[in-house]
Amino acid sequence: MPLLEARDGFPDEGMIHCNLACYTAKQGRIDEAKGILSRAIQLDPVFGELTLDNEDLVGIW
């Protein structure tokens, strides 16, 4: 999966983690998505606010 490769290549890029959390949540893997989103928020706290309205993450919130 290209997004996993991007995450591995750029482990400190919050947007990649955020997008990966969205895809993971859409697959129904909510616990895993929570961990990935948590990492995105650690890297850049703005993702905490930006993702509140994201329909892909409804299962998390």
PDB file of N, CA and C in Angstrom:
ATOM      1  N   MET A   1       0.846  -1.176   0.000  1.00  0.00           N
ATOM      2  CA  MET A   1       0.000   0.000   0.000  1.00  0.00           C
ATOM      3  C   MET A   1       0.891   1.238   0.000  1.00  0.00           C
ATOM      4  N   PRO A   2       0.714   2.108  -0.960  1.00  0.00           N
ATOM      5  CA  PRO A   2       1.576   3.292  -1.075  1.00  0.00           C
ATOM      6  C   PRO A   2       1.554   4.196   0.159  1.00  0.00           C
ATOM      7  N   LEU A   3       0.416   4.294   0.836  1.00  0.00           N
ATOM      8  CA  LEU A   3       0.353   5.153   2.015  1.00  0.00           C
ATOM      9  C   LEU A   3       1.214   4.607   3.149  1.00  0.00           C
ATOM     10  N   LEU A   4       1.268   3.303   3.283  1.00  0.00           N
ATOM     11  CA  LEU A   4       2.145   2.700   4.292  1.00  0.00           C
ATOM     12  C   LEU A   4       3.603   2.967   3.958  1.00  0.00           C
ATOM     13  N   GLU A   5       3.939   2.900   2.681  1.00  0.00           N
ATOM     14  CA  GLU A   5       5.306   3.209   2.247  1.00  0.00           C
ATOM     15  C   GLU A   5       5.628   4.667   2.523  1.00  0.00           C
ATOM     16  N   ALA A   6       4.655   5.557   2.283  1.00  0.00           N
ATOM     17  CA  ALA A   6       4.861   6.979   2.556  1.00  0.00           C
ATOM     18  C   ALA A   6       5.079   7.208   4.045  1.00  0.00           C
ATOM     19  N   ARG A   7       4.288   6.526   4.878  1.00  0.00           N
ATOM     20  CA  ARG A   7       4.458   6.662   6.329  1.00  0.00           C
ATOM     21  C   ARG A   7       5.841   6.199   6.765  1.00  0.00           C
ATOM     22  N   ASP A   8       6.279   5.087   6.180  1.00  0.00           N
ATOM     23  CA  ASP A   8       7.599   4.572   6.530  1.00  0.00           C
ATOM     24  C   ASP A   8       8.708   5.508   6.055  1.00  0.00           C
ATOM     25  N   GLY A   9       8.489   6.153   4.921  1.00  0.00           N
ATOM     26  CA  GLY A   9       9.490   7.072   4.381  1.00  0.00           C
ATOM     27  C   GLY A   9       9.497   8.427   5.059  1.00  0.00           C
ATOM     28  N   PHE A  10       8.324   8.817   5.591  1.00  0.00           N
ATOM     29  CA  PHE A  10       8.180  10.123   6.247  1.00  0.00           C
ATOM     30  C   PHE A  10       7.450   9.932   7.583  1.00  0.00           C
ATOM     31  N   PRO A  11       8.095   9.293   8.543  1.00  0.00           N
ATOM     32  CA  PRO A  11       7.422   8.933   9.795  1.00  0.00           C
ATOM     33  C   PRO A  11       6.989  10.114  10.651  1.00  0.00           C
ATOM     34  N   ASP A  12       7.503  11.298  10.382  1.00  0.00           N
ATOM     35  CA  ASP A  12       7.153  12.473  11.181  1.00  0.00           C
ATOM     36  C   ASP A  12       6.189  13.408  10.458  1.00  0.00           C
ATOM     37  N   GLU A  13       5.551  12.929   9.398  1.00  0.00           N
ATOM     38  CA  GLU A  13       4.594  13.732   8.631  1.00  0.00           C
ATOM     39  C   GLU A  13       3.178  13.390   9.097  1.00  0.00           C
ATOM     40  N   GLY A  14       2.587  14.294   9.855  1.00  0.00           N
ATOM     41  CA  GLY A  14       1.282  14.060  10.442  1.00  0.00           C
ATOM     42  C   GLY A  14       0.169  13.811   9.438  1.00  0.00           C
ATOM     43  N   MET A  15       0.217  14.483   8.309  1.00  0.00           N
ATOM     44  CA  MET A  15      -0.844  14.327   7.310  1.00  0.00           C
ATOM     45  C   MET A  15      -0.924  12.894   6.792  1.00  0.00           C
ATOM     46  N   ILE A  16       0.205  12.253   6.648  1.00  0.00           N
ATOM     47  CA  ILE A  16       0.210  10.857   6.190  1.00  0.00           C
ATOM     48  C   ILE A  16      -0.469   9.979   7.237  1.00  0.00           C
ATOM     49  N   HIS A  17      -0.157  10.176   8.493  1.00  0.00           N
ATOM     50  CA  HIS A  17      -0.783   9.411   9.566  1.00  0.00           C
ATOM     51  C   HIS A  17      -2.286   9.686   9.614  1.00  0.00           C
ATOM     52  N   CYS A  18      -2.653  10.936   9.432  1.00  0.00           N
ATOM     53  CA  CYS A  18      -4.062  11.309   9.456  1.00  0.00           C
ATOM     54  C   CYS A  18      -4.829  10.601   8.334  1.00  0.00           C
ATOM     55  N   ASN A  19      -4.293  10.633   7.141  1.00  0.00           N
ATOM     56  CA  ASN A  19      -4.945   9.962   6.014  1.00  0.00           C
ATOM     57  C   ASN A  19      -5.015   8.457   6.235  1.00  0.00           C
ATOM     58  N   LEU A  20      -3.957   7.898   6.767  1.00  0.00           N
ATOM     59  CA  LEU A  20      -3.947   6.468   7.045  1.00  0.00           C
ATOM     60  C   LEU A  20      -5.007   6.113   8.102  1.00  0.00           C
ATOM     61  N   ALA A  21      -5.184   6.979   9.085  1.00  0.00           N
ATOM     62  CA  ALA A  21      -6.229   6.757  10.093  1.00  0.00           C
ATOM     63  C   ALA A  21      -7.611   6.756   9.448  1.00  0.00           C
ATOM     64  N   CYS A  22      -7.828   7.657   8.504  1.00  0.00           N
ATOM     65  CA  CYS A  22      -9.118   7.709   7.810  1.00  0.00           C
ATOM     66  C   CYS A  22      -9.384   6.415   7.059  1.00  0.00           C
ATOM     67  N   TYR A  23      -8.418   5.963   6.296  1.00  0.00           N
ATOM     68  CA  TYR A  23      -8.589   4.723   5.535  1.00  0.00           C
ATOM     69  C   TYR A  23      -8.802   3.528   6.459  1.00  0.00           C
ATOM     70  N   THR A  24      -8.059   3.494   7.545  1.00  0.00           N
ATOM     71  CA  THR A  24      -8.161   2.384   8.486  1.00  0.00           C
ATOM     72  C   THR A  24      -9.538   2.370   9.152  1.00  0.00           C
ATOM     73  N   ALA A  25     -10.030   3.544   9.518  1.00  0.00           N
ATOM     74  CA  ALA A  25     -11.353   3.640  10.133  1.00  0.00           C
ATOM     75  C   ALA A  25     -12.438   3.206   9.148  1.00  0.00           C
ATOM     76  N   LYS A  26     -12.308   3.601   7.903  1.00  0.00           N
ATOM     77  CA  LYS A  26     -13.295   3.219   6.885  1.00  0.00           C
ATOM     78  C   LYS A  26     -13.329   1.708   6.689  1.00  0.00           C
ATOM     79  N   GLN A  27     -12.234   1.052   6.975  1.00  0.00           N
ATOM     80  CA  GLN A  27     -12.175  -0.406   6.870  1.00  0.00           C
ATOM     81  C   GLN A  27     -12.750  -1.078   8.118  1.00  0.00           C
ATOM     82  N   GLY A  28     -13.153  -0.271   9.091  1.00  0.00           N
ATOM     83  CA  GLY A  28     -13.739  -0.806  10.314  1.00  0.00           C
ATOM     84  C   GLY A  28     -12.736  -1.187  11.381  1.00  0.00           C
ATOM     85  N   ARG A  29     -11.485  -0.839  11.175  1.00  0.00           N
ATOM     86  CA  ARG A  29     -10.426  -1.171  12.132  1.00  0.00           C
ATOM     87  C   ARG A  29     -10.230   0.026  13.082  1.00  0.00           C
ATOM     88  N   ILE A  30     -11.261   0.254  13.894  1.00  0.00           N
ATOM     89  CA  ILE A  30     -11.357   1.478  14.694  1.00  0.00           C
ATOM     90  C   ILE A  30     -10.242   1.602  15.727  1.00  0.00           C
ATOM     91  N   ASP A  31      -9.940   0.541  16.458  1.00  0.00           N
ATOM     92  CA  ASP A  31      -8.878   0.624  17.468  1.00  0.00           C
ATOM     93  C   ASP A  31      -7.538   0.976  16.830  1.00  0.00           C
ATOM     94  N   GLU A  32      -7.249   0.359  15.701  1.00  0.00           N
ATOM     95  CA  GLU A  32      -6.005   0.668  14.998  1.00  0.00           C
ATOM     96  C   GLU A  32      -6.011   2.108  14.504  1.00  0.00           C
ATOM     97  N   ALA A  33      -7.153   2.552  13.987  1.00  0.00           N
ATOM     98  CA  ALA A  33      -7.270   3.928  13.490  1.00  0.00           C
ATOM     99  C   ALA A  33      -7.059   4.934  14.618  1.00  0.00           C
ATOM    100  N   LYS A  34      -7.565   4.632  15.798  1.00  0.00           N
ATOM    101  CA  LYS A  34      -7.369   5.517  16.949  1.00  0.00           C
ATOM    102  C   LYS A  34      -5.887   5.717  17.243  1.00  0.00           C
ATOM    103  N   GLY A  35      -5.132   4.634  17.215  1.00  0.00           N
ATOM    104  CA  GLY A  35      -3.692   4.730  17.463  1.00  0.00           C
ATOM    105  C   GLY A  35      -2.977   5.543  16.402  1.00  0.00           C
ATOM    106  N   ILE A  36      -3.364   5.338  15.168  1.00  0.00           N
ATOM    107  CA  ILE A  36      -2.734   6.075  14.067  1.00  0.00           C
ATOM    108  C   ILE A  36      -3.077   7.557  14.166  1.00  0.00           C
ATOM    109  N   LEU A  37      -4.347   7.863  14.448  1.00  0.00           N
ATOM    110  CA  LEU A  37      -4.753   9.263  14.588  1.00  0.00           C
ATOM    111  C   LEU A  37      -4.056   9.911  15.779  1.00  0.00           C
ATOM    112  N   SER A  38      -3.899   9.167  16.854  1.00  0.00           N
ATOM    113  CA  SER A  38      -3.190   9.684  18.018  1.00  0.00           C
ATOM    114  C   SER A  38      -1.777  10.114  17.648  1.00  0.00           C
ATOM    115  N   ARG A  39      -1.123   9.308  16.839  1.00  0.00           N
ATOM    116  CA  ARG A  39       0.232   9.647  16.386  1.00  0.00           C
ATOM    117  C   ARG A  39       0.205  10.919  15.532  1.00  0.00           C
ATOM    118  N   ALA A  40      -0.783  11.048  14.664  1.00  0.00           N
ATOM    119  CA  ALA A  40      -0.902  12.255  13.830  1.00  0.00           C
ATOM    120  C   ALA A  40      -1.042  13.490  14.716  1.00  0.00           C
ATOM    121  N   ILE A  41      -1.861  13.376  15.755  1.00  0.00           N
ATOM    122  CA  ILE A  41      -2.081  14.505  16.659  1.00  0.00           C
ATOM    123  C   ILE A  41      -0.830  14.805  17.476  1.00  0.00           C
ATOM    124  N   GLN A  42      -0.071  13.784  17.840  1.00  0.00           N
ATOM    125  CA  GLN A  42       1.204  14.008  18.540  1.00  0.00           C
ATOM    126  C   GLN A  42       2.159  14.794  17.649  1.00  0.00           C
ATOM    127  N   LEU A  43       2.167  14.453  16.373  1.00  0.00           N
ATOM    128  CA  LEU A  43       3.078  15.123  15.446  1.00  0.00           C
ATOM    129  C   LEU A  43       2.640  16.555  15.160  1.00  0.00           C
ATOM    130  N   ASP A  44       1.325  16.777  15.099  1.00  0.00           N
ATOM    131  CA  ASP A  44       0.801  18.121  14.836  1.00  0.00           C
ATOM    132  C   ASP A  44      -0.592  18.216  15.461  1.00  0.00           C
ATOM    133  N   PRO A  45      -0.721  18.903  16.576  1.00  0.00           N
ATOM    134  CA  PRO A  45      -1.989  18.981  17.292  1.00  0.00           C
ATOM    135  C   PRO A  45      -3.160  19.519  16.470  1.00  0.00           C
ATOM    136  N   VAL A  46      -2.895  20.196  15.398  1.00  0.00           N
ATOM    137  CA  VAL A  46      -3.972  20.722  14.561  1.00  0.00           C
ATOM    138  C   VAL A  46      -4.885  19.611  14.035  1.00  0.00           C
ATOM    139  N   PHE A  47      -4.357  18.395  13.908  1.00  0.00           N
ATOM    140  CA  PHE A  47      -5.177  17.296  13.410  1.00  0.00           C
ATOM    141  C   PHE A  47      -6.275  16.913  14.397  1.00  0.00           C
ATOM    142  N   GLY A  48      -6.112  17.245  15.652  1.00  0.00           N
ATOM    143  CA  GLY A  48      -7.165  17.001  16.625  1.00  0.00           C
ATOM    144  C   GLY A  48      -8.426  17.769  16.279  1.00  0.00           C
ATOM    145  N   GLU A  49      -8.277  19.024  15.877  1.00  0.00           N
ATOM    146  CA  GLU A  49      -9.421  19.850  15.483  1.00  0.00           C
ATOM    147  C   GLU A  49      -9.877  19.559  14.061  1.00  0.00           C
ATOM    148  N   LEU A  50      -8.942  19.401  13.168  1.00  0.00           N
ATOM    149  CA  LEU A  50      -9.290  19.211  11.764  1.00  0.00           C
ATOM    150  C   LEU A  50     -10.084  17.944  11.513  1.00  0.00           C
ATOM    151  N   THR A  51      -9.886  16.955  12.327  1.00  0.00           N
ATOM    152  CA  THR A  51     -10.529  15.667  12.077  1.00  0.00           C
ATOM    153  C   THR A  51     -11.887  15.520  12.762  1.00  0.00           C
ATOM    154  N   LEU A  52     -12.284  16.480  13.579  1.00  0.00           N
ATOM    155  CA  LEU A  52     -13.560  16.375  14.288  1.00  0.00           C
ATOM    156  C   LEU A  52     -14.745  16.282  13.330  1.00  0.00           C
ATOM    157  N   ASP A  53     -14.661  16.929  12.181  1.00  0.00           N
ATOM    158  CA  ASP A  53     -15.753  16.936  11.213  1.00  0.00           C
ATOM    159  C   ASP A  53     -15.547  15.931  10.088  1.00  0.00           C
ATOM    160  N   ASN A  54     -14.516  15.124  10.169  1.00  0.00           N
ATOM    161  CA  ASN A  54     -14.213  14.186   9.091  1.00  0.00           C
ATOM    162  C   ASN A  54     -15.121  12.959   9.205  1.00  0.00           C
ATOM    163  N   GLU A  55     -15.958  12.772   8.204  1.00  0.00           N
ATOM    164  CA  GLU A  55     -16.923  11.667   8.232  1.00  0.00           C
ATOM    165  C   GLU A  55     -16.253  10.294   8.243  1.00  0.00           C
ATOM    166  N   ASP A  56     -15.038  10.209   7.739  1.00  0.00           N
ATOM    167  CA  ASP A  56     -14.320   8.937   7.755  1.00  0.00           C
ATOM    168  C   ASP A  56     -13.990   8.489   9.175  1.00  0.00           C
ATOM    169  N   LEU A  57     -13.940   9.432  10.083  1.00  0.00           N
ATOM    170  CA  LEU A  57     -13.526   9.146  11.457  1.00  0.00           C
ATOM    171  C   LEU A  57     -14.667   9.126  12.460  1.00  0.00           C
ATOM    172  N   VAL A  58     -15.894   9.059  11.964  1.00  0.00           N
ATOM    173  CA  VAL A  58     -17.066   9.075  12.849  1.00  0.00           C
ATOM    174  C   VAL A  58     -16.995   7.964  13.885  1.00  0.00           C
ATOM    175  N   GLY A  59     -16.525   6.797  13.496  1.00  0.00           N
ATOM    176  CA  GLY A  59     -16.422   5.678  14.422  1.00  0.00           C
ATOM    177  C   GLY A  59     -15.466   5.923  15.569  1.00  0.00           C
ATOM    178  N   ILE A  60     -14.540   6.843  15.381  1.00  0.00           N
ATOM    179  CA  ILE A  60     -13.571   7.166  16.437  1.00  0.00           C
ATOM    180  C   ILE A  60     -14.172   8.154  17.430  1.00  0.00           C
ATOM    181  N   TRP A  61     -14.804   9.160  16.921  1.00  0.00           N
ATOM    182  CA  TRP A  61     -15.333  10.217  17.795  1.00  0.00           C
ATOM    183  C   TRP A  61     -16.641   9.766  18.408  1.00  0.00           C
TER     184      TRP A  61
END
